[in-house]
Amino acid sequence: MTGSAVSDFLGELSRVYAENCLAATADPSRYEFSIAHVTPDGRWRFPDDLSREGIAAAPSMPLADAVARLVAINAHVMVPQMFCIPGMTRYRALFDMLRIPYVGNAPDVMSLASHKARAKAVVAAAGVHVPRGEVLRAGETPSLTLPVVVKPVDSDNSLGVTLVREQCEQSAALSRALEHADEVLVETFIPLGREVRAGCIERNGEIVCLPFEEYAVDADNAPIRTYDDKIGWGPEGALHLMAKQQSRAWIVDPDDPITAAVRDATRQCHAALGARHYSLFDFRIDPSGAPWFLEASPYCSFARASVIPTMAAAAGIPIDQLFADMLNEALR
């Protein structure tokens, strides 16, 4: 299930990840894949492949015809690859209505996790450290002491995120964040430290923490990760996943002293949010080594270079086995 009901950018992000997923997992001796693709006008297509040309050549249809097509396909399981909020919620709920199981988290979990302030409240209640924060709308003024991080409350890929150190920077930061959401989350800046992304998978009902990734941040020159650290554009509008470069992210040695605390926090977050199959969480590690929850990213594209497959490979789980395990979890 690919595309976006919101924007061409998120549709292209979905297409790139899903195309890489098919390249990594489409074993014709084990699976028969069908592709359903949604565009921002709400129309559906069922292309033969995920090239731009293949998608454009496929006939478009309204939801009612698409549902009939989905029923006719008689799928055993769906793999969600939509990263817009409707794609993570309403489109997954459609498959619940059709009684087609799918890999990954249910719509209510995705909705909760996509709203950074609500997700923080839930994991904080479970005992995980979170930065102090407040949610503001246009015209409201932050009350937290600087420095703070200003971010849209429900956007991804660090769109509209700004570190504010001086009072004169605050108004522009709020305006920038409000370009991407109706509400803004303002958080106390957690000194660096380190920044990591931790993931876990479920295998036979057990939560298995994977080796986690560390990201290139620097207290003086790169104190937070920004949009440019994650997404880039190459020739002819080709989208590049900047965070996959080894200079920007690497696997942390399992013997690293912060491992135990991060794993404990990961399990707490997974359980508190009601996640299933897999989950991902970003943590800021303060100078004392304590992890602070920043946000949840409970999705997996199964592209070879995406985060959970990279972590799983570091744990000795190849992508074909990871994919099969997650399909089995969904069917179970």
C-alpha atoms as a PDB file:
ATOM      1  CA  MET A   1       0.000   0.000   0.000  1.00  0.00           C
ATOM      2  CA  THR A   2       1.850   3.094  -1.243  1.00  0.00           C
ATOM      3  CA  GLY A   3       1.486   6.779  -2.088  1.00  0.00           C
ATOM      4  CA  SER A   4       0.001   9.667  -0.140  1.00  0.00           C
ATOM      5  CA  ALA A   5      -3.427  11.215   0.232  1.00  0.00           C
ATOM      6  CA  VAL A   6      -1.789  14.505   1.284  1.00  0.00           C
ATOM      7  CA  SER A   7       1.193  15.575  -0.814  1.00  0.00           C
ATOM      8  CA  ASP A   8       3.382  14.685  -3.762  1.00  0.00           C
ATOM      9  CA  PHE A   9       6.438  14.834  -1.482  1.00  0.00           C
ATOM     10  CA  LEU A  10       5.088  12.148   0.867  1.00  0.00           C
ATOM     11  CA  GLY A  11       3.929  10.152  -2.142  1.00  0.00           C
ATOM     12  CA  GLU A  12       7.448  10.222  -3.573  1.00  0.00           C
ATOM     13  CA  LEU A  13       8.921   9.287  -0.184  1.00  0.00           C
ATOM     14  CA  SER A  14       6.557   6.310  -0.085  1.00  0.00           C
ATOM     15  CA  ARG A  15       7.389   5.335  -3.666  1.00  0.00           C
ATOM     16  CA  VAL A  16      11.160   5.371  -3.049  1.00  0.00           C
ATOM     17  CA  TYR A  17      10.956   3.294   0.115  1.00  0.00           C
ATOM     18  CA  ALA A  18       8.432   0.834  -1.345  1.00  0.00           C
ATOM     19  CA  GLU A  19      10.431   0.390  -4.549  1.00  0.00           C
ATOM     20  CA  ASN A  20      13.448  -0.503  -2.426  1.00  0.00           C
ATOM     21  CA  CYS A  21      11.279  -2.823  -0.336  1.00  0.00           C
ATOM     22  CA  LEU A  22      10.213  -4.749  -3.423  1.00  0.00           C
ATOM     23  CA  ALA A  23      13.810  -4.989  -4.599  1.00  0.00           C
ATOM     24  CA  ALA A  24      14.774  -6.497  -1.225  1.00  0.00           C
ATOM     25  CA  THR A  25      11.837  -8.818  -0.540  1.00  0.00           C
ATOM     26  CA  ALA A  26       9.987  -9.740  -3.765  1.00  0.00           C
ATOM     27  CA  ASP A  27      10.942 -13.415  -3.869  1.00  0.00           C
ATOM     28  CA  PRO A  28       8.594 -14.918  -6.497  1.00  0.00           C
ATOM     29  CA  SER A  29       9.059 -18.391  -5.031  1.00  0.00           C
ATOM     30  CA  ARG A  30       7.470 -17.204  -1.768  1.00  0.00           C
ATOM     31  CA  TYR A  31       5.270 -14.191  -2.537  1.00  0.00           C
ATOM     32  CA  GLU A  32       2.959 -12.716  -5.110  1.00  0.00           C
ATOM     33  CA  PHE A  33       2.873  -8.935  -4.724  1.00  0.00           C
ATOM     34  CA  SER A  34       0.160  -6.514  -5.797  1.00  0.00           C
ATOM     35  CA  ILE A  35       0.631  -2.730  -5.543  1.00  0.00           C
ATOM     36  CA  ALA A  36      -2.091  -0.283  -4.519  1.00  0.00           C
ATOM     37  CA  HIS A  37      -1.088   3.372  -4.878  1.00  0.00           C
ATOM     38  CA  VAL A  38      -2.979   6.465  -3.688  1.00  0.00           C
ATOM     39  CA  THR A  39      -2.453  10.011  -5.004  1.00  0.00           C
ATOM     40  CA  PRO A  40      -3.261  13.305  -3.225  1.00  0.00           C
ATOM     41  CA  ASP A  41      -6.558  13.610  -5.126  1.00  0.00           C
ATOM     42  CA  GLY A  42      -7.762  10.448  -3.364  1.00  0.00           C
ATOM     43  CA  ARG A  43      -7.668   8.345  -6.520  1.00  0.00           C
ATOM     44  CA  TRP A  44      -6.260   4.820  -6.497  1.00  0.00           C
ATOM     45  CA  ARG A  45      -4.057   3.005  -8.988  1.00  0.00           C
ATOM     46  CA  PHE A  46      -2.876  -0.592  -9.168  1.00  0.00           C
ATOM     47  CA  PRO A  47       0.391  -0.333 -11.137  1.00  0.00           C
ATOM     48  CA  ASP A  48       2.568  -3.237 -12.254  1.00  0.00           C
ATOM     49  CA  ASP A  49       5.642  -1.605 -10.711  1.00  0.00           C
ATOM     50  CA  LEU A  50       6.607   1.464  -8.697  1.00  0.00           C
ATOM     51  CA  SER A  51       8.427   3.410 -11.371  1.00  0.00           C
ATOM     52  CA  ARG A  52       6.983   6.869 -11.962  1.00  0.00           C
ATOM     53  CA  GLU A  53       6.077   5.736 -15.489  1.00  0.00           C
ATOM     54  CA  GLY A  54       4.397   2.590 -14.216  1.00  0.00           C
ATOM     55  CA  ILE A  55       2.258   4.518 -11.749  1.00  0.00           C
ATOM     56  CA  ALA A  56       1.276   7.138 -14.338  1.00  0.00           C
ATOM     57  CA  ALA A  57       0.280   4.443 -16.847  1.00  0.00           C
ATOM     58  CA  ALA A  58      -2.063   2.621 -14.432  1.00  0.00           C
ATOM     59  CA  PRO A  59      -5.752   3.583 -14.679  1.00  0.00           C
ATOM     60  CA  SER A  60      -6.980   5.696 -11.755  1.00  0.00           C
ATOM     61  CA  MET A  61     -10.194   4.874  -9.951  1.00  0.00           C
ATOM     62  CA  PRO A  62     -12.335   6.118  -7.054  1.00  0.00           C
ATOM     63  CA  LEU A  63     -12.397   4.498  -3.631  1.00  0.00           C
ATOM     64  CA  ALA A  64     -15.467   2.337  -4.329  1.00  0.00           C
ATOM     65  CA  ASP A  65     -13.838   0.709  -7.359  1.00  0.00           C
ATOM     66  CA  ALA A  66     -10.569   0.342  -5.460  1.00  0.00           C
ATOM     67  CA  VAL A  67     -12.314  -1.506  -2.620  1.00  0.00           C
ATOM     68  CA  ALA A  68     -13.839  -3.908  -5.128  1.00  0.00           C
ATOM     69  CA  ARG A  69     -10.386  -4.470  -6.588  1.00  0.00           C
ATOM     70  CA  LEU A  70      -8.906  -5.089  -3.131  1.00  0.00           C
ATOM     71  CA  VAL A  71     -11.588  -7.670  -2.390  1.00  0.00           C
ATOM     72  CA  ALA A  72     -10.941  -9.372  -5.743  1.00  0.00           C
ATOM     73  CA  ILE A  73      -7.201  -9.591  -5.054  1.00  0.00           C
ATOM     74  CA  ASN A  74      -8.005 -11.690  -1.950  1.00  0.00           C
ATOM     75  CA  ALA A  75      -4.747 -10.728  -0.245  1.00  0.00           C
ATOM     76  CA  HIS A  76      -3.382 -12.678   2.697  1.00  0.00           C
ATOM     77  CA  VAL A  77      -1.610  -9.663   4.210  1.00  0.00           C
ATOM     78  CA  MET A  78      -0.976  -5.979   3.475  1.00  0.00           C
ATOM     79  CA  VAL A  79       2.353  -4.162   3.924  1.00  0.00           C
ATOM     80  CA  PRO A  80       1.686  -0.446   4.647  1.00  0.00           C
ATOM     81  CA  GLN A  81       4.074   2.014   3.009  1.00  0.00           C
ATOM     82  CA  MET A  82       2.144   5.307   3.341  1.00  0.00           C
ATOM     83  CA  PHE A  83       3.730   7.942   5.607  1.00  0.00           C
ATOM     84  CA  CYS A  84       1.077  10.676   5.597  1.00  0.00           C
ATOM     85  CA  ILE A  85      -1.272  10.766   8.584  1.00  0.00           C
ATOM     86  CA  PRO A  86      -4.332   9.536   6.615  1.00  0.00           C
ATOM     87  CA  GLY A  87      -2.179   6.760   5.192  1.00  0.00           C
ATOM     88  CA  MET A  88      -1.060   5.715   8.663  1.00  0.00           C
ATOM     89  CA  THR A  89      -4.592   5.843  10.079  1.00  0.00           C
ATOM     90  CA  ARG A  90      -7.633   5.875   7.792  1.00  0.00           C
ATOM     91  CA  TYR A  91      -6.146   3.695   5.074  1.00  0.00           C
ATOM     92  CA  ARG A  92      -5.037   1.102   7.611  1.00  0.00           C
ATOM     93  CA  ALA A  93      -8.506   1.214   9.141  1.00  0.00           C
ATOM     94  CA  LEU A  94      -9.944   0.404   5.705  1.00  0.00           C
ATOM     95  CA  PHE A  95      -8.034  -2.886   5.740  1.00  0.00           C
ATOM     96  CA  ASP A  96      -9.395  -3.590   9.221  1.00  0.00           C
ATOM     97  CA  MET A  97     -12.887  -3.143   7.762  1.00  0.00           C
ATOM     98  CA  LEU A  98     -12.007  -5.495   4.894  1.00  0.00           C
ATOM     99  CA  ARG A  99     -10.569  -8.025   7.369  1.00  0.00           C
ATOM    100  CA  ILE A 100      -7.219  -8.051   5.618  1.00  0.00           C
ATOM    101  CA  PRO A 101      -4.412  -8.310   8.202  1.00  0.00           C
ATOM    102  CA  TYR A 102      -1.429  -5.998   7.849  1.00  0.00           C
ATOM    103  CA  VAL A 103       2.081  -5.660   9.181  1.00  0.00           C
ATOM    104  CA  GLY A 104       2.653  -2.949  11.742  1.00  0.00           C
ATOM    105  CA  ASN A 105       0.687  -0.855  14.158  1.00  0.00           C
ATOM    106  CA  ALA A 106      -3.041  -0.247  14.281  1.00  0.00           C
ATOM    107  CA  PRO A 107      -4.573   3.138  13.325  1.00  0.00           C
ATOM    108  CA  ASP A 108      -5.096   4.296  16.910  1.00  0.00           C
ATOM    109  CA  VAL A 109      -1.444   3.640  17.756  1.00  0.00           C
ATOM    110  CA  MET A 110      -0.280   5.425  14.607  1.00  0.00           C
ATOM    111  CA  SER A 111      -2.511   8.404  15.405  1.00  0.00           C
ATOM    112  CA  LEU A 112      -1.206   8.595  18.962  1.00  0.00           C
ATOM    113  CA  ALA A 113       2.431   8.231  17.925  1.00  0.00           C
ATOM    114  CA  SER A 114       2.193  10.835  15.154  1.00  0.00           C
ATOM    115  CA  HIS A 115       1.116  13.503  17.671  1.00  0.00           C
ATOM    116  CA  LYS A 116       4.377  14.192  19.483  1.00  0.00           C
ATOM    117  CA  ALA A 117       2.842  15.799  22.570  1.00  0.00           C
ATOM    118  CA  ARG A 118       0.313  13.013  23.172  1.00  0.00           C
ATOM    119  CA  ALA A 119       2.939  10.318  22.640  1.00  0.00           C
ATOM    120  CA  LYS A 120       5.190  12.092  25.149  1.00  0.00           C
ATOM    121  CA  ALA A 121       2.402  12.202  27.715  1.00  0.00           C
ATOM    122  CA  VAL A 122       1.765   8.479  27.400  1.00  0.00           C
ATOM    123  CA  VAL A 123       5.393   7.391  27.692  1.00  0.00           C
ATOM    124  CA  ALA A 124       6.001   9.858  30.529  1.00  0.00           C
ATOM    125  CA  ALA A 125       3.165   8.226  32.457  1.00  0.00           C
ATOM    126  CA  ALA A 126       4.996   4.918  31.960  1.00  0.00           C
ATOM    127  CA  GLY A 127       8.095   6.340  33.643  1.00  0.00           C
ATOM    128  CA  VAL A 128      10.209   7.380  30.651  1.00  0.00           C
ATOM    129  CA  HIS A 129      12.097  10.700  30.821  1.00  0.00           C
ATOM    130  CA  VAL A 130      10.653  13.353  28.471  1.00  0.00           C
ATOM    131  CA  PRO A 131      11.646  17.010  28.009  1.00  0.00           C
ATOM    132  CA  ARG A 132       9.319  19.628  29.511  1.00  0.00           C
ATOM    133  CA  GLY A 133       7.031  20.916  26.811  1.00  0.00           C
ATOM    134  CA  GLU A 134       3.932  22.866  25.873  1.00  0.00           C
ATOM    135  CA  VAL A 135       1.597  22.856  22.876  1.00  0.00           C
ATOM    136  CA  LEU A 136       0.803  26.237  21.315  1.00  0.00           C
ATOM    137  CA  ARG A 137      -1.384  27.600  18.555  1.00  0.00           C
ATOM    138  CA  ALA A 138      -0.888  30.660  16.382  1.00  0.00           C
ATOM    139  CA  GLY A 139      -0.679  33.836  18.502  1.00  0.00           C
ATOM    140  CA  GLU A 140       0.302  32.054  21.719  1.00  0.00           C
ATOM    141  CA  THR A 141       3.649  32.689  23.409  1.00  0.00           C
ATOM    142  CA  PRO A 142       5.960  30.049  24.919  1.00  0.00           C
ATOM    143  CA  SER A 143       6.606  30.184  28.652  1.00  0.00           C
ATOM    144  CA  LEU A 144       9.601  27.832  28.817  1.00  0.00           C
ATOM    145  CA  THR A 145      13.061  29.176  29.532  1.00  0.00           C
ATOM    146  CA  LEU A 146      15.424  29.215  26.538  1.00  0.00           C
ATOM    147  CA  PRO A 147      16.966  27.305  24.886  1.00  0.00           C
ATOM    148  CA  VAL A 148      14.021  25.397  23.455  1.00  0.00           C
ATOM    149  CA  VAL A 149      13.287  23.240  20.420  1.00  0.00           C
ATOM    150  CA  VAL A 150      10.271  24.326  18.379  1.00  0.00           C
ATOM    151  CA  LYS A 151       8.627  21.736  16.133  1.00  0.00           C
ATOM    152  CA  PRO A 152       5.296  21.038  14.410  1.00  0.00           C
ATOM    153  CA  VAL A 153       3.332  18.749  16.653  1.00  0.00           C
ATOM    154  CA  ASP A 154       2.602  16.114  14.019  1.00  0.00           C
ATOM    155  CA  SER A 155       5.061  16.344  11.118  1.00  0.00           C
ATOM    156  CA  ASP A 156       7.965  14.028  10.311  1.00  0.00           C
ATOM    157  CA  ASN A 157      11.493  14.232   8.858  1.00  0.00           C
ATOM    158  CA  SER A 158      12.266  17.291  11.049  1.00  0.00           C
ATOM    159  CA  LEU A 159      10.197  19.598   8.861  1.00  0.00           C
ATOM    160  CA  GLY A 160       9.928  23.007  10.528  1.00  0.00           C
ATOM    161  CA  VAL A 161      12.143  22.115  13.507  1.00  0.00           C
ATOM    162  CA  THR A 162      14.286  24.903  15.010  1.00  0.00           C
ATOM    163  CA  LEU A 163      16.571  25.244  18.018  1.00  0.00           C
ATOM    164  CA  VAL A 164      15.918  28.641  19.639  1.00  0.00           C
ATOM    165  CA  ARG A 165      18.665  30.087  21.829  1.00  0.00           C
ATOM    166  CA  GLU A 166      17.780  33.792  21.713  1.00  0.00           C
ATOM    167  CA  GLN A 167      14.439  35.519  22.280  1.00  0.00           C
ATOM    168  CA  CYS A 168      14.691  37.292  18.934  1.00  0.00           C
ATOM    169  CA  GLU A 169      14.655  33.900  17.135  1.00  0.00           C
ATOM    170  CA  GLN A 170      11.449  32.640  18.711  1.00  0.00           C
ATOM    171  CA  SER A 171       8.804  34.301  16.543  1.00  0.00           C
ATOM    172  CA  ALA A 172      10.353  33.098  13.281  1.00  0.00           C
ATOM    173  CA  ALA A 173      10.704  29.564  14.663  1.00  0.00           C
ATOM    174  CA  LEU A 174       7.030  29.451  15.658  1.00  0.00           C
ATOM    175  CA  SER A 175       5.976  30.710  12.232  1.00  0.00           C
ATOM    176  CA  ARG A 176       8.161  28.125  10.513  1.00  0.00           C
ATOM    177  CA  ALA A 177       6.649  25.286  12.532  1.00  0.00           C
ATOM    178  CA  LEU A 178       3.084  26.536  11.940  1.00  0.00           C
ATOM    179  CA  GLU A 179       3.654  26.178   8.197  1.00  0.00           C
ATOM    180  CA  HIS A 180       3.509  22.417   8.738  1.00  0.00           C
ATOM    181  CA  ALA A 181       0.860  21.984  11.458  1.00  0.00           C
ATOM    182  CA  ASP A 182      -1.902  23.810  13.310  1.00  0.00           C
ATOM    183  CA  GLU A 183      -0.141  23.268  16.621  1.00  0.00           C
ATOM    184  CA  VAL A 184       3.468  23.652  17.737  1.00  0.00           C
ATOM    185  CA  LEU A 185       5.325  21.687  20.377  1.00  0.00           C
ATOM    186  CA  VAL A 186       7.912  23.726  22.297  1.00  0.00           C
ATOM    187  CA  GLU A 187      10.324  21.626  24.354  1.00  0.00           C
ATOM    188  CA  THR A 188      13.151  22.274  26.744  1.00  0.00           C
ATOM    189  CA  PHE A 189      16.438  21.622  24.952  1.00  0.00           C
ATOM    190  CA  ILE A 190      18.241  18.576  26.360  1.00  0.00           C
ATOM    191  CA  PRO A 191      22.005  19.205  26.282  1.00  0.00           C
ATOM    192  CA  LEU A 192      24.128  16.876  24.175  1.00  0.00           C
ATOM    193  CA  GLY A 193      24.959  14.053  24.905  1.00  0.00           C
ATOM    194  CA  ARG A 194      24.255  11.865  22.027  1.00  0.00           C
ATOM    195  CA  GLU A 195      21.224  11.107  19.905  1.00  0.00           C
ATOM    196  CA  VAL A 196      20.087   7.591  19.024  1.00  0.00           C
ATOM    197  CA  ARG A 197      17.197   5.784  17.426  1.00  0.00           C
ATOM    198  CA  ALA A 198      16.196   2.544  19.118  1.00  0.00           C
ATOM    199  CA  GLY A 199      14.001  -0.171  17.667  1.00  0.00           C
ATOM    200  CA  CYS A 200      12.408  -3.422  18.665  1.00  0.00           C
ATOM    201  CA  ILE A 201      10.494  -6.239  16.999  1.00  0.00           C
ATOM    202  CA  GLU A 202       8.108  -8.852  18.302  1.00  0.00           C
ATOM    203  CA  ARG A 203       8.959 -12.495  17.762  1.00  0.00           C
ATOM    204  CA  ASN A 204       6.557 -15.107  19.103  1.00  0.00           C
ATOM    205  CA  GLY A 205       5.054 -12.574  21.484  1.00  0.00           C
ATOM    206  CA  GLU A 206       8.397 -11.427  22.916  1.00  0.00           C
ATOM    207  CA  ILE A 207       9.775  -7.882  22.547  1.00  0.00           C
ATOM    208  CA  VAL A 208      13.279  -8.132  21.088  1.00  0.00           C
ATOM    209  CA  CYS A 209      15.395  -4.956  21.223  1.00  0.00           C
ATOM    210  CA  LEU A 210      17.687  -4.482  18.233  1.00  0.00           C
ATOM    211  CA  PRO A 211      21.104  -2.796  18.109  1.00  0.00           C
ATOM    212  CA  PHE A 212      20.401   0.894  17.858  1.00  0.00           C
ATOM    213  CA  GLU A 213      21.651   3.661  15.566  1.00  0.00           C
ATOM    214  CA  GLU A 214      23.520   6.757  16.611  1.00  0.00           C
ATOM    215  CA  TYR A 215      23.279   9.968  14.614  1.00  0.00           C
ATOM    216  CA  ALA A 216      25.948  12.523  13.875  1.00  0.00           C
ATOM    217  CA  VAL A 217      25.277  15.518  16.113  1.00  0.00           C
ATOM    218  CA  ASP A 218      27.700  18.056  17.523  1.00  0.00           C
ATOM    219  CA  ALA A 219      27.161  20.360  20.485  1.00  0.00           C
ATOM    220  CA  ASP A 220      28.608  23.360  18.650  1.00  0.00           C
ATOM    221  CA  ASN A 221      27.860  22.885  14.937  1.00  0.00           C
ATOM    222  CA  ALA A 222      24.914  20.457  14.755  1.00  0.00           C
ATOM    223  CA  PRO A 223      23.126  20.376  18.137  1.00  0.00           C
ATOM    224  CA  ILE A 224      19.901  18.935  16.651  1.00  0.00           C
ATOM    225  CA  ARG A 225      19.034  16.952  13.518  1.00  0.00           C
ATOM    226  CA  THR A 226      17.266  18.932  10.807  1.00  0.00           C
ATOM    227  CA  TYR A 227      15.369  18.218   7.601  1.00  0.00           C
ATOM    228  CA  ASP A 228      18.607  18.491   5.603  1.00  0.00           C
ATOM    229  CA  ASP A 229      20.109  15.687   7.690  1.00  0.00           C
ATOM    230  CA  LYS A 230      17.334  13.340   6.562  1.00  0.00           C
ATOM    231  CA  ILE A 231      16.130  14.242   3.049  1.00  0.00           C
ATOM    232  CA  GLY A 232      17.983  15.463  -0.038  1.00  0.00           C
ATOM    233  CA  TRP A 233      17.125  16.006  -3.679  1.00  0.00           C
ATOM    234  CA  GLY A 234      19.373  15.002  -6.569  1.00  0.00           C
ATOM    235  CA  PRO A 235      19.260  15.453 -10.348  1.00  0.00           C
ATOM    236  CA  GLU A 236      15.849  15.383 -12.032  1.00  0.00           C
ATOM    237  CA  GLY A 237      14.058  15.642  -8.690  1.00  0.00           C
ATOM    238  CA  ALA A 238      15.311  12.300  -7.358  1.00  0.00           C
ATOM    239  CA  LEU A 239      14.807  11.957  -3.614  1.00  0.00           C
ATOM    240  CA  HIS A 240      17.789  10.823  -1.532  1.00  0.00           C
ATOM    241  CA  LEU A 241      17.649   9.493   2.031  1.00  0.00           C
ATOM    242  CA  MET A 242      20.499  11.451   3.604  1.00  0.00           C
ATOM    243  CA  ALA A 243      20.225   9.785   7.020  1.00  0.00           C
ATOM    244  CA  LYS A 244      21.292   6.463   5.479  1.00  0.00           C
ATOM    245  CA  GLN A 245      24.816   7.703   4.797  1.00  0.00           C
ATOM    246  CA  GLN A 246      27.412   6.114   7.107  1.00  0.00           C
ATOM    247  CA  SER A 247      28.827   9.541   7.946  1.00  0.00           C
ATOM    248  CA  ARG A 248      25.441  10.497   9.430  1.00  0.00           C
ATOM    249  CA  ALA A 249      24.351   7.268  11.184  1.00  0.00           C
ATOM    250  CA  TRP A 250      26.014   4.117  12.494  1.00  0.00           C
ATOM    251  CA  ILE A 251      25.220   1.083  14.644  1.00  0.00           C
ATOM    252  CA  VAL A 252      26.158   1.402  18.312  1.00  0.00           C
ATOM    253  CA  ASP A 253      28.275  -1.341  19.868  1.00  0.00           C
ATOM    254  CA  PRO A 254      25.976  -3.499  22.072  1.00  0.00           C
ATOM    255  CA  ASP A 255      28.565  -3.207  24.868  1.00  0.00           C
ATOM    256  CA  ASP A 256      28.217   0.590  24.916  1.00  0.00           C
ATOM    257  CA  PRO A 257      27.379   1.787  28.466  1.00  0.00           C
ATOM    258  CA  ILE A 258      24.140   3.479  27.386  1.00  0.00           C
ATOM    259  CA  THR A 259      22.672   0.285  25.882  1.00  0.00           C
ATOM    260  CA  ALA A 260      20.849  -1.047  28.950  1.00  0.00           C
ATOM    261  CA  ALA A 261      19.065   2.225  29.756  1.00  0.00           C
ATOM    262  CA  VAL A 262      18.023   2.785  26.130  1.00  0.00           C
ATOM    263  CA  ARG A 263      16.691  -0.764  25.822  1.00  0.00           C
ATOM    264  CA  ASP A 264      14.661  -0.393  29.024  1.00  0.00           C
ATOM    265  CA  ALA A 265      13.166   2.864  27.745  1.00  0.00           C
ATOM    266  CA  THR A 266      12.428   1.261  24.349  1.00  0.00           C
ATOM    267  CA  ARG A 267      10.478  -1.589  25.921  1.00  0.00           C
ATOM    268  CA  GLN A 268       8.554   0.856  28.111  1.00  0.00           C
ATOM    269  CA  CYS A 269       7.634   3.033  25.121  1.00  0.00           C
ATOM    270  CA  HIS A 270       6.592   0.053  22.987  1.00  0.00           C
ATOM    271  CA  ALA A 271       4.286  -1.272  25.685  1.00  0.00           C
ATOM    272  CA  ALA A 272       2.911   2.120  26.751  1.00  0.00           C
ATOM    273  CA  LEU A 273       1.896   3.117  23.212  1.00  0.00           C
ATOM    274  CA  GLY A 274       0.320  -0.275  22.521  1.00  0.00           C
ATOM    275  CA  ALA A 275       2.661  -0.991  19.604  1.00  0.00           C
ATOM    276  CA  ARG A 276       2.748  -4.322  17.821  1.00  0.00           C
ATOM    277  CA  HIS A 277       5.150  -6.152  15.461  1.00  0.00           C
ATOM    278  CA  TYR A 278       7.803  -3.384  15.593  1.00  0.00           C
ATOM    279  CA  SER A 279       8.477   0.156  16.773  1.00  0.00           C
ATOM    280  CA  LEU A 280      11.107   2.902  16.599  1.00  0.00           C
ATOM    281  CA  PHE A 281      11.908   5.696  19.066  1.00  0.00           C
ATOM    282  CA  ASP A 282      14.280   8.651  19.032  1.00  0.00           C
ATOM    283  CA  PHE A 283      16.146   9.379  22.259  1.00  0.00           C
ATOM    284  CA  ARG A 284      18.367  12.235  23.313  1.00  0.00           C
ATOM    285  CA  ILE A 285      21.150  11.038  25.632  1.00  0.00           C
ATOM    286  CA  ASP A 286      22.099  13.757  28.116  1.00  0.00           C
ATOM    287  CA  PRO A 287      25.675  14.251  29.378  1.00  0.00           C
ATOM    288  CA  SER A 288      25.014  11.918  32.326  1.00  0.00           C
ATOM    289  CA  GLY A 289      23.997   9.074  29.967  1.00  0.00           C
ATOM    290  CA  ALA A 290      20.235   9.188  30.670  1.00  0.00           C
ATOM    291  CA  PRO A 291      17.899   8.699  27.666  1.00  0.00           C
ATOM    292  CA  TRP A 292      15.105  11.232  27.026  1.00  0.00           C
ATOM    293  CA  PHE A 293      12.230  10.319  24.697  1.00  0.00           C
ATOM    294  CA  LEU A 294      11.873  12.678  21.727  1.00  0.00           C
ATOM    295  CA  GLU A 295       9.358  10.978  19.437  1.00  0.00           C
ATOM    296  CA  ALA A 296       8.012   7.693  18.102  1.00  0.00           C
ATOM    297  CA  SER A 297       8.317   6.500  14.518  1.00  0.00           C
ATOM    298  CA  PRO A 298       6.369   3.228  14.551  1.00  0.00           C
ATOM    299  CA  TYR A 299       6.692   2.212  10.903  1.00  0.00           C
ATOM    300  CA  CYS A 300       9.023   0.117   8.787  1.00  0.00           C
ATOM    301  CA  SER A 301       9.418   0.218   5.018  1.00  0.00           C
ATOM    302  CA  PHE A 302      11.442  -3.031   4.672  1.00  0.00           C
ATOM    303  CA  ALA A 303      13.809  -1.241   2.319  1.00  0.00           C
ATOM    304  CA  ARG A 304      17.265  -2.698   2.785  1.00  0.00           C
ATOM    305  CA  ALA A 305      18.674   0.656   3.980  1.00  0.00           C
ATOM    306  CA  SER A 306      15.757   1.573   6.253  1.00  0.00           C
ATOM    307  CA  VAL A 307      16.261   1.643   9.987  1.00  0.00           C
ATOM    308  CA  ILE A 308      14.708  -1.562  11.331  1.00  0.00           C
ATOM    309  CA  PRO A 309      16.233  -3.798   8.605  1.00  0.00           C
ATOM    310  CA  THR A 310      19.618  -2.155   9.247  1.00  0.00           C
ATOM    311  CA  MET A 311      19.299  -2.801  12.972  1.00  0.00           C
ATOM    312  CA  ALA A 312      18.057  -6.350  12.368  1.00  0.00           C
ATOM    313  CA  ALA A 313      20.990  -7.075  10.045  1.00  0.00           C
ATOM    314  CA  ALA A 314      23.349  -5.943  12.817  1.00  0.00           C
ATOM    315  CA  ALA A 315      21.620  -8.483  15.072  1.00  0.00           C
ATOM    316  CA  GLY A 316      22.167 -11.252  12.506  1.00  0.00           C
ATOM    317  CA  ILE A 317      18.610 -11.206  11.099  1.00  0.00           C
ATOM    318  CA  PRO A 318      18.724 -10.847   7.283  1.00  0.00           C
ATOM    319  CA  ILE A 319      15.999  -8.819   5.637  1.00  0.00           C
ATOM    320  CA  ASP A 320      14.246 -11.812   4.040  1.00  0.00           C
ATOM    321  CA  GLN A 321      13.937 -13.448   7.466  1.00  0.00           C
ATOM    322  CA  LEU A 322      12.811 -10.198   9.109  1.00  0.00           C
ATOM    323  CA  PHE A 323      10.154  -9.718   6.434  1.00  0.00           C
ATOM    324  CA  ALA A 324       8.898 -13.302   6.775  1.00  0.00           C
ATOM    325  CA  ASP A 325       8.805 -12.998  10.571  1.00  0.00           C
ATOM    326  CA  MET A 326       6.759  -9.783  10.419  1.00  0.00           C
ATOM    327  CA  LEU A 327       4.310 -11.291   7.920  1.00  0.00           C
ATOM    328  CA  ASN A 328       3.895 -14.262  10.251  1.00  0.00           C
ATOM    329  CA  GLU A 329       3.286 -11.918  13.204  1.00  0.00           C
ATOM    330  CA  ALA A 330       0.568 -10.149  11.205  1.00  0.00           C
ATOM    331  CA  LEU A 331      -1.066 -13.426  10.183  1.00  0.00           C
ATOM    332  CA  ARG A 332      -0.789 -14.808  13.720  1.00  0.00           C
END
